Amino acid sequence: MGGLRDGEASGRQPRGPVPLRACREKREVLRALEDHRARGAFVRSRIRLLREMDRGSRFFYALEKMRGAKKQGTCLLAEDGAPFTDPVEMCGRARDFYTSLFSPDLTNPGACRVLWEELPTVSMGDRGRLELPLTLAEFSEALCRMPTNKSLGMDGLTVEFYRAFWEILGPDLATVWAESLQGGVLPLSCRRAVLALLPKKGDLRDLQNWCPVSFLSTDYKIVAKAISLRLGSVMVDVIHPDQTYTVPGRSIFDNLFLVRDLLELGHRDGLSFALLSLDQEKAFDRVDHAYLLGTLQAFGFGPQFVSFLQLLYASAECLVRLNWTLTKPVSFGRGVRQGCPLSGQLYTLAIEPFLCRARDPSPSRCRCGHHHCHLGGVLSHVVYVPHPQTAHPAAVPILSGTLRRGIIGDTGGGTR
């Protein structure tokens, strides 16, 4: 290859038909290798516009290296603040952290029953439709709607692979799902995921500042997508209009417009109110599975459909990936998997009973004593509290887990 490059640079051409043909073949091989390497660099550098004539350059390779370096951890802090720099100790720390995070806490049955009171329910017609067995046609539709070029699970099979061989693999997947539903557990390849850690803001030595994303096998995601399509058809019937996340026909921008309108209204009419923003820490990772299944039953979902979701999380586990090293398996005892097509919908359903209680203006429900409290959004909840000067501290809703609170607005006539 080096001699071929030198020959190209000097303009020399090989003499004779056989050497010329061999030279052309080597050039094609070299060009294919360069294209393959360049396209990998484009993908890993997150460049979205790629043209056929684009070639690899130092810029793209450096950008790929820079993005990869951001995902590398060189030090982790123990619970007592002691630093770990040894790779083995860092992997042990990561495994211990997520073992603790995914271990279920005790829930209050009385509090759950209160949250489940007077929830909206799916219609009897929809309930019956959701109870039907999943069909091969639904799996096919789910596969067609799945995005491509996504991170791979443990099996390494892509969406494109399943699409190319769906006539062969589709019936087998439907059979495996039916047998798993009867046996109560999925195959290990479906239950096990790689937990990739993506950096967020803050001190990256603290594992709280890393976002865990599950790399799931494609067969699992096909099944989850099929269930998600069914669930999406009834979300609008059980989720309040101020919940917009993962509800078909709604946009999360509606919540931003609500805040904007409140600020403009307060400024125009000189109203005195406060906007309280609540952000639940590790929101997806703290959803209790027993509570989630009970919530689905409270919304009127039938036992067969609930068993679909229960099967997806039965004996689930993950292997934490830290600096391209996998830890020993960690049991997934609570939380919804970020990376699963169902995760957003399941969290929206799990938080809705709490939001229903917060929306209810009756004195027995609204402990702040006012009749115009409003709460909207999903991950960043916004509460509208009139007359904040006289509001009781109990008006601040408490979610499971730690909340980071921030007040927007003032106690005067204007807002900011």
Protein backbone atom coordinates (compact mmCIF):
# COMPACT_ATOMS: atom_id res chain seq x y z
CA MET A 1 0.00 0.00 0.00
CA GLY A 2 2.83 2.37 0.83
CA GLY A 3 4.47 1.74 -2.56
CA LEU A 4 1.17 2.28 -4.30
CA ARG A 5 0.74 5.64 -2.57
CA ASP A 6 4.30 6.66 -3.52
CA GLY A 7 3.62 5.71 -7.12
CA GLU A 8 0.43 7.75 -7.19
CA ALA A 9 2.18 10.76 -5.68
CA SER A 10 4.98 10.66 -8.27
CA GLY A 11 2.61 10.09 -11.19
CA ARG A 12 4.34 6.85 -12.26
CA GLN A 13 2.08 4.27 -13.93
CA PRO A 14 2.84 0.53 -13.98
CA ARG A 15 3.82 -0.92 -17.34
CA GLY A 16 1.97 -3.82 -18.95
CA PRO A 17 -1.68 -4.97 -18.74
CA VAL A 18 -1.28 -7.37 -15.81
CA PRO A 19 0.52 -4.94 -13.44
CA LEU A 20 -1.93 -2.21 -14.46
CA ARG A 21 -4.93 -4.35 -13.60
CA ALA A 22 -3.38 -5.36 -10.28
CA CYS A 23 -2.62 -1.71 -9.51
CA ARG A 24 -6.25 -0.75 -10.15
CA GLU A 25 -7.49 -3.53 -7.91
CA LYS A 26 -5.17 -2.39 -5.11
CA ARG A 27 -6.40 1.16 -5.53
CA GLU A 28 -10.02 0.01 -5.18
CA VAL A 29 -9.14 -1.94 -2.03
CA LEU A 30 -7.35 1.08 -0.59
CA ARG A 31 -10.26 3.37 -1.45
CA ALA A 32 -12.73 0.97 0.19
CA LEU A 33 -10.62 0.85 3.37
CA GLU A 34 -10.42 4.64 3.50
CA ASP A 35 -14.19 4.98 2.96
CA HIS A 36 -14.91 2.46 5.70
CA ARG A 37 -12.64 4.21 8.18
CA ALA A 38 -13.94 7.65 7.24
CA ARG A 39 -17.59 6.63 7.60
CA GLY A 40 -16.88 5.18 11.03
CA ALA A 41 -15.24 8.45 12.03
CA PHE A 42 -18.23 10.40 10.69
CA VAL A 43 -20.67 8.30 12.72
CA ARG A 44 -18.68 8.43 15.95
CA SER A 45 -18.05 12.18 15.58
CA ARG A 46 -21.84 12.71 15.24
CA ILE A 47 -21.56 14.54 11.92
CA ARG A 48 -25.05 14.51 10.43
CA LEU A 49 -24.33 15.70 6.87
CA LEU A 50 -22.31 13.13 4.97
CA ARG A 51 -21.90 13.32 1.22
CA GLU A 52 -20.65 10.63 -1.08
CA MET A 53 -17.49 12.57 -1.98
CA ASP A 54 -16.57 13.46 1.62
CA ARG A 55 -13.27 11.93 2.65
CA GLY A 56 -11.73 11.35 6.04
CA SER A 57 -9.63 14.16 7.42
CA ARG A 58 -7.74 15.00 10.58
CA PHE A 59 -10.67 17.14 11.70
CA PHE A 60 -13.15 14.26 11.74
CA TYR A 61 -10.69 11.82 13.29
CA ALA A 62 -9.82 14.37 15.98
CA LEU A 63 -13.51 15.03 16.61
CA GLU A 64 -14.12 11.29 16.93
CA LYS A 65 -11.26 11.03 19.43
CA MET A 66 -12.52 14.04 21.41
CA ARG A 67 -16.05 12.65 21.70
CA GLY A 68 -14.71 9.29 22.76
CA ALA A 69 -12.54 10.90 25.43
CA LYS A 70 -15.61 12.57 26.98
CA LYS A 71 -17.10 9.15 27.63
CA GLN A 72 -14.00 7.91 29.42
CA GLY A 73 -13.80 8.03 33.20
CA THR A 74 -10.38 8.37 34.81
CA CYS A 75 -11.54 8.65 38.41
CA LEU A 76 -14.64 7.80 40.44
CA LEU A 77 -15.54 8.84 43.95
CA ALA A 78 -16.51 6.34 46.61
CA GLU A 79 -19.46 6.97 48.93
CA ASP A 80 -17.11 8.54 51.47
CA GLY A 81 -15.52 10.76 48.80
CA ALA A 82 -12.33 8.74 48.40
CA PRO A 83 -11.09 8.71 44.78
CA PHE A 84 -10.72 5.50 42.78
CA THR A 85 -8.31 5.53 39.83
CA ASP A 86 -7.56 1.83 39.48
CA PRO A 87 -9.69 0.36 36.63
CA VAL A 88 -10.71 -2.68 38.69
CA GLU A 89 -11.75 -0.52 41.65
CA MET A 90 -13.63 1.85 39.35
CA CYS A 91 -15.61 -1.03 37.83
CA GLY A 92 -16.39 -2.30 41.30
CA ARG A 93 -17.56 1.14 42.37
CA ALA A 94 -19.79 1.45 39.28
CA ARG A 95 -21.34 -1.96 39.89
CA ASP A 96 -21.99 -1.21 43.57
CA PHE A 97 -23.57 2.15 42.69
CA TYR A 98 -26.02 0.72 40.18
CA THR A 99 -26.74 -2.32 42.33
CA SER A 100 -27.88 0.11 45.02
CA LEU A 101 -29.74 2.36 42.58
CA PHE A 102 -31.68 -0.52 41.00
CA SER A 103 -32.52 -2.20 44.31
CA PRO A 104 -36.20 -1.64 45.19
CA ASP A 105 -37.13 0.33 48.28
CA LEU A 106 -40.07 -0.43 50.51
CA THR A 107 -43.25 1.25 49.32
CA ASN A 108 -46.17 2.40 51.43
CA PRO A 109 -49.24 0.35 50.43
CA GLY A 110 -51.58 2.91 51.99
CA ALA A 111 -50.03 5.75 50.00
CA CYS A 112 -50.29 3.67 46.82
CA ARG A 113 -53.97 3.05 47.39
CA VAL A 114 -54.56 6.77 47.88
CA LEU A 115 -52.74 7.56 44.63
CA TRP A 116 -54.76 4.97 42.73
CA GLU A 117 -58.14 6.38 43.78
CA GLU A 118 -60.46 7.85 41.12
CA LEU A 119 -58.04 7.48 38.21
CA PRO A 120 -59.40 7.55 34.64
CA THR A 121 -59.63 4.12 33.05
CA VAL A 122 -59.43 2.73 29.54
CA SER A 123 -62.73 1.85 27.88
CA MET A 124 -63.97 -1.72 27.88
CA GLY A 125 -63.49 -1.91 24.11
CA ASP A 126 -59.87 -0.78 24.33
CA ARG A 127 -59.25 -3.07 27.27
CA GLY A 128 -60.44 -6.07 25.28
CA ARG A 129 -58.34 -5.09 22.28
CA LEU A 130 -55.21 -4.71 24.43
CA GLU A 131 -55.78 -8.16 25.92
CA LEU A 132 -55.42 -9.90 22.55
CA PRO A 133 -52.19 -11.84 21.89
CA LEU A 134 -49.47 -10.01 19.99
CA THR A 135 -49.45 -11.01 16.34
CA LEU A 136 -46.76 -11.38 13.71
CA ALA A 137 -48.31 -8.44 11.85
CA GLU A 138 -47.80 -6.22 14.90
CA PHE A 139 -44.17 -7.30 15.18
CA SER A 140 -43.72 -6.51 11.48
CA GLU A 141 -45.20 -3.04 11.90
CA ALA A 142 -43.02 -2.42 14.93
CA LEU A 143 -39.91 -3.40 12.98
CA CYS A 144 -40.85 -1.06 10.12
CA ARG A 145 -41.22 1.86 12.53
CA MET A 146 -37.95 1.31 14.36
CA PRO A 147 -35.08 3.71 13.58
CA THR A 148 -31.87 2.40 12.08
CA ASN A 149 -28.18 3.00 12.86
CA LYS A 150 -28.72 2.59 16.60
CA SER A 151 -26.39 1.11 19.21
CA LEU A 152 -26.40 -2.68 19.36
CA GLY A 153 -27.30 -4.99 22.18
CA MET A 154 -25.46 -8.05 23.41
CA ASP A 155 -26.32 -10.10 20.31
CA GLY A 156 -24.88 -7.53 17.86
CA LEU A 157 -27.81 -7.88 15.41
CA THR A 158 -29.11 -4.70 13.80
CA VAL A 159 -32.56 -3.55 12.74
CA GLU A 160 -31.37 -3.78 9.14
CA PHE A 161 -30.47 -7.45 9.67
CA TYR A 162 -33.94 -8.26 10.96
CA ARG A 163 -35.56 -6.41 8.08
CA ALA A 164 -33.47 -8.32 5.53
CA PHE A 165 -34.31 -11.73 7.03
CA TRP A 166 -37.71 -11.00 8.55
CA GLU A 167 -39.52 -13.70 6.57
CA ILE A 168 -37.31 -16.24 8.32
CA LEU A 169 -36.89 -14.61 11.73
CA GLY A 170 -40.38 -13.15 12.19
CA PRO A 171 -42.30 -16.41 12.85
CA ASP A 172 -39.54 -17.59 15.19
CA LEU A 173 -39.73 -14.35 17.19
CA ALA A 174 -43.51 -14.72 17.54
CA THR A 175 -43.03 -18.30 18.75
CA VAL A 176 -40.34 -17.31 21.28
CA TRP A 177 -42.58 -14.54 22.63
CA ALA A 178 -45.53 -16.91 23.06
CA GLU A 179 -43.38 -19.50 24.84
CA SER A 180 -41.78 -16.84 27.06
CA LEU A 181 -45.20 -15.50 28.01
CA GLN A 182 -46.26 -18.98 29.00
CA GLY A 183 -43.05 -19.64 30.94
CA GLY A 184 -42.93 -16.22 32.59
CA VAL A 185 -39.39 -15.28 31.57
CA LEU A 186 -37.62 -14.07 28.43
CA PRO A 187 -34.41 -15.60 27.04
CA LEU A 188 -31.23 -14.33 28.63
CA SER A 189 -30.27 -12.35 25.52
CA CYS A 190 -33.49 -10.33 25.88
CA ARG A 191 -33.24 -9.88 29.63
CA ARG A 192 -29.63 -8.75 29.64
CA ALA A 193 -28.52 -5.30 28.46
CA VAL A 194 -25.32 -3.30 28.34
CA LEU A 195 -25.63 -0.20 30.52
CA ALA A 196 -23.68 2.57 28.79
CA LEU A 197 -22.87 5.69 30.82
CA LEU A 198 -23.26 9.04 29.08
CA PRO A 199 -21.74 12.13 30.73
CA LYS A 200 -23.97 14.95 31.96
CA LYS A 201 -23.11 18.22 33.68
CA GLY A 202 -21.25 18.44 36.95
CA ASP A 203 -18.37 16.52 38.48
CA LEU A 204 -17.97 13.37 36.38
CA ARG A 205 -16.18 11.64 39.22
CA ASP A 206 -19.64 11.35 40.79
CA LEU A 207 -21.71 8.60 39.16
CA GLN A 208 -24.83 10.66 39.82
CA ASN A 209 -23.70 12.84 36.92
CA TRP A 210 -23.73 10.02 34.39
CA CYS A 211 -26.86 9.01 32.50
CA PRO A 212 -27.33 5.22 32.19
CA VAL A 213 -28.70 4.07 28.82
CA SER A 214 -29.53 0.41 28.17
CA PHE A 215 -28.27 -1.12 24.93
CA LEU A 216 -30.92 -3.79 24.34
CA SER A 217 -31.05 -6.56 21.78
CA THR A 218 -33.11 -5.86 18.68
CA ASP A 219 -35.55 -8.74 19.24
CA TYR A 220 -36.42 -7.31 22.65
CA LYS A 221 -36.96 -3.86 21.15
CA ILE A 222 -39.23 -5.26 18.44
CA VAL A 223 -41.50 -6.78 21.08
CA ALA A 224 -41.35 -3.64 23.24
CA LYS A 225 -42.14 -1.46 20.21
CA ALA A 226 -45.18 -3.60 19.36
CA ILE A 227 -46.48 -3.19 22.92
CA SER A 228 -45.67 0.53 22.78
CA LEU A 229 -47.80 0.96 19.67
CA ARG A 230 -50.73 -0.65 21.45
CA LEU A 231 -50.21 1.41 24.57
CA GLY A 232 -49.91 4.64 22.59
CA SER A 233 -53.42 4.20 21.20
CA VAL A 234 -54.97 4.67 24.69
CA MET A 235 -52.52 7.06 26.35
CA VAL A 236 -54.62 10.08 25.45
CA ASP A 237 -57.62 8.56 27.29
CA VAL A 238 -55.90 8.14 30.67
CA ILE A 239 -53.28 10.91 30.69
CA HIS A 240 -54.32 14.49 31.51
CA PRO A 241 -53.84 17.09 28.73
CA ASP A 242 -51.02 18.84 30.62
CA GLN A 243 -48.96 15.65 30.31
CA THR A 244 -47.42 15.76 26.85
CA TYR A 245 -44.38 13.50 27.00
CA THR A 246 -44.79 10.35 24.81
CA VAL A 247 -48.54 10.98 24.35
CA PRO A 248 -49.44 10.79 20.64
CA GLY A 249 -50.85 14.03 19.26
CA ARG A 250 -49.25 16.19 21.96
CA SER A 251 -46.02 18.17 22.08
CA ILE A 252 -43.77 18.93 25.00
CA PHE A 253 -43.68 22.50 23.70
CA ASP A 254 -47.24 22.89 25.00
CA ASN A 255 -45.79 23.04 28.53
CA LEU A 256 -43.37 25.76 27.49
CA PHE A 257 -46.23 27.73 25.98
CA LEU A 258 -48.15 27.35 29.25
CA VAL A 259 -45.29 28.87 31.25
CA ARG A 260 -44.91 31.67 28.71
CA ASP A 261 -48.62 32.48 28.85
CA LEU A 262 -48.61 32.51 32.65
CA LEU A 263 -45.69 34.93 32.71
CA GLU A 264 -47.33 37.21 30.16
CA LEU A 265 -50.65 37.08 32.03
CA GLY A 266 -49.00 37.95 35.33
CA HIS A 267 -47.09 40.82 33.81
CA ARG A 268 -50.18 42.20 32.05
CA ASP A 269 -52.63 41.96 34.98
CA GLY A 270 -50.18 42.48 37.85
CA LEU A 271 -50.92 39.08 39.38
CA SER A 272 -49.00 37.75 42.36
CA PHE A 273 -48.04 34.12 41.93
CA ALA A 274 -45.07 31.77 41.83
CA LEU A 275 -43.93 29.07 39.46
CA LEU A 276 -42.26 26.18 41.24
CA SER A 277 -40.09 23.93 39.07
CA LEU A 278 -39.44 20.41 40.36
CA ASP A 279 -36.88 18.08 38.83
CA GLN A 280 -36.82 14.48 40.03
CA GLU A 281 -33.34 13.08 40.28
CA LYS A 282 -32.86 9.70 38.57
CA ALA A 283 -36.54 9.77 37.65
CA PHE A 284 -36.55 6.78 35.28
CA ASP A 285 -34.29 4.74 37.56
CA ARG A 286 -36.52 5.01 40.65
CA VAL A 287 -39.82 3.67 39.31
CA ASP A 288 -40.88 0.76 41.52
CA HIS A 289 -42.00 -2.21 39.42
CA ALA A 290 -44.75 -3.35 41.79
CA TYR A 291 -46.12 0.18 41.96
CA LEU A 292 -45.98 0.48 38.16
CA LEU A 293 -47.93 -2.74 37.63
CA GLY A 294 -50.48 -1.67 40.26
CA THR A 295 -50.84 1.68 38.51
CA LEU A 296 -51.56 -0.04 35.21
CA GLN A 297 -54.28 -2.09 36.89
CA ALA A 298 -55.72 1.08 38.45
CA PHE A 299 -55.94 2.61 34.97
CA GLY A 300 -58.06 -0.36 33.91
CA PHE A 301 -55.53 -2.34 31.90
CA GLY A 302 -56.34 -6.05 31.86
CA PRO A 303 -54.26 -8.86 33.37
CA GLN A 304 -52.97 -10.09 29.99
CA PHE A 305 -51.61 -6.71 28.94
CA VAL A 306 -50.09 -6.15 32.38
CA SER A 307 -48.40 -9.54 32.07
CA PHE A 308 -46.80 -8.34 28.80
CA LEU A 309 -45.03 -5.56 30.67
CA GLN A 310 -44.28 -7.73 33.67
CA LEU A 311 -42.53 -10.22 31.40
CA LEU A 312 -40.26 -7.53 29.92
CA TYR A 313 -38.83 -6.75 33.36
CA ALA A 314 -38.88 -10.23 34.91
CA SER A 315 -35.34 -11.20 35.99
CA ALA A 316 -33.89 -8.34 33.93
CA GLU A 317 -30.23 -7.50 34.42
CA CYS A 318 -27.52 -5.29 32.98
CA LEU A 319 -23.75 -5.16 32.65
CA VAL A 320 -22.34 -1.71 33.35
CA ARG A 321 -19.91 -0.57 30.67
CA LEU A 322 -17.14 1.62 32.05
CA ASN A 323 -14.27 2.59 29.74
CA TRP A 324 -15.25 -0.27 27.41
CA THR A 325 -15.07 -2.79 30.25
CA LEU A 326 -18.15 -4.72 31.34
CA THR A 327 -18.89 -5.42 34.98
CA LYS A 328 -20.58 -8.50 36.37
CA PRO A 329 -24.39 -8.55 35.94
CA VAL A 330 -26.51 -6.18 38.03
CA SER A 331 -30.11 -7.09 38.80
CA PHE A 332 -32.62 -4.58 37.44
CA GLY A 333 -34.97 -4.52 40.42
CA ARG A 334 -36.54 -1.13 39.77
CA GLY A 335 -36.63 1.62 37.17
CA VAL A 336 -37.59 1.72 33.50
CA ARG A 337 -34.84 1.12 30.99
CA GLN A 338 -33.74 4.22 29.12
CA GLY A 339 -33.27 2.85 25.64
CA CYS A 340 -36.44 0.76 25.68
CA PRO A 341 -39.25 1.95 23.36
CA LEU A 342 -41.65 1.73 26.32
CA SER A 343 -39.64 3.64 28.91
CA GLY A 344 -41.15 7.10 28.35
CA GLN A 345 -44.72 5.83 28.30
CA LEU A 346 -44.21 3.77 31.45
CA TYR A 347 -42.78 6.72 33.35
CA THR A 348 -45.62 8.96 32.19
CA LEU A 349 -48.14 6.43 33.51
CA ALA A 350 -46.22 5.98 36.76
CA ILE A 351 -46.16 9.72 37.58
CA GLU A 352 -49.76 10.43 36.48
CA PRO A 353 -51.44 9.34 39.78
CA PHE A 354 -49.30 11.84 41.67
CA LEU A 355 -50.13 14.57 39.18
CA CYS A 356 -53.84 13.78 39.50
CA ARG A 357 -53.59 14.37 43.23
CA ALA A 358 -51.70 17.61 42.70
CA ARG A 359 -54.28 18.88 40.19
CA ASP A 360 -57.28 18.27 42.44
CA PRO A 361 -58.25 21.67 43.94
CA SER A 362 -60.43 20.31 46.74
CA PRO A 363 -59.22 21.28 50.25
CA SER A 364 -58.83 17.63 51.20
CA ARG A 365 -56.45 17.12 48.26
CA CYS A 366 -54.70 20.47 47.88
CA ARG A 367 -52.88 21.04 51.17
CA CYS A 368 -51.85 24.58 50.30
CA GLY A 369 -55.41 25.82 50.88
CA HIS A 370 -55.83 27.42 47.44
CA HIS A 371 -58.14 26.40 44.62
CA HIS A 372 -56.01 27.23 41.59
CA CYS A 373 -52.92 25.08 41.88
CA HIS A 374 -51.82 23.77 38.52
CA LEU A 375 -49.15 21.22 37.77
CA GLY A 376 -47.93 20.31 34.31
CA GLY A 377 -45.08 18.61 32.51
CA VAL A 378 -43.44 15.30 33.18
CA LEU A 379 -39.78 15.39 34.13
CA SER A 380 -39.73 19.09 34.98
CA HIS A 381 -42.98 19.74 36.80
CA VAL A 382 -44.34 23.27 37.05
CA VAL A 383 -46.73 24.22 39.83
CA TYR A 384 -48.70 27.46 39.69
CA VAL A 385 -49.32 28.76 43.22
CA PRO A 386 -51.31 31.99 43.64
CA HIS A 387 -50.50 34.24 46.61
CA PRO A 388 -47.14 32.63 47.44
CA GLN A 389 -46.80 34.88 50.50
CA THR A 390 -49.51 32.91 52.34
CA ALA A 391 -48.97 29.45 50.84
CA HIS A 392 -48.26 26.70 53.34
CA PRO A 393 -44.91 24.87 53.00
CA ALA A 394 -46.87 21.65 52.56
CA ALA A 395 -47.91 22.97 49.15
CA VAL A 396 -44.58 21.79 47.75
CA PRO A 397 -45.20 18.28 46.39
CA ILE A 398 -42.71 15.61 47.43
CA LEU A 399 -41.73 12.99 44.86
CA SER A 400 -39.92 9.75 45.61
CA GLY A 401 -36.20 10.45 45.48
CA THR A 402 -34.38 13.75 45.77
CA LEU A 403 -35.86 16.89 44.21
CA ARG A 404 -33.96 19.88 43.03
CA ARG A 405 -36.18 22.93 43.46
CA GLY A 406 -36.11 26.30 41.80
CA ILE A 407 -38.49 29.26 42.12
CA ILE A 408 -39.31 31.47 39.13
CA GLY A 409 -41.23 34.68 39.70
CA ASP A 410 -41.53 37.13 42.57
CA THR A 411 -43.96 38.17 45.24
CA GLY A 412 -44.81 41.47 43.58
CA GLY A 413 -47.19 42.20 40.78
CA GLY A 414 -44.76 41.41 37.97
CA THR A 415 -43.07 38.16 37.07
CA ARG A 416 -39.68 37.22 35.78
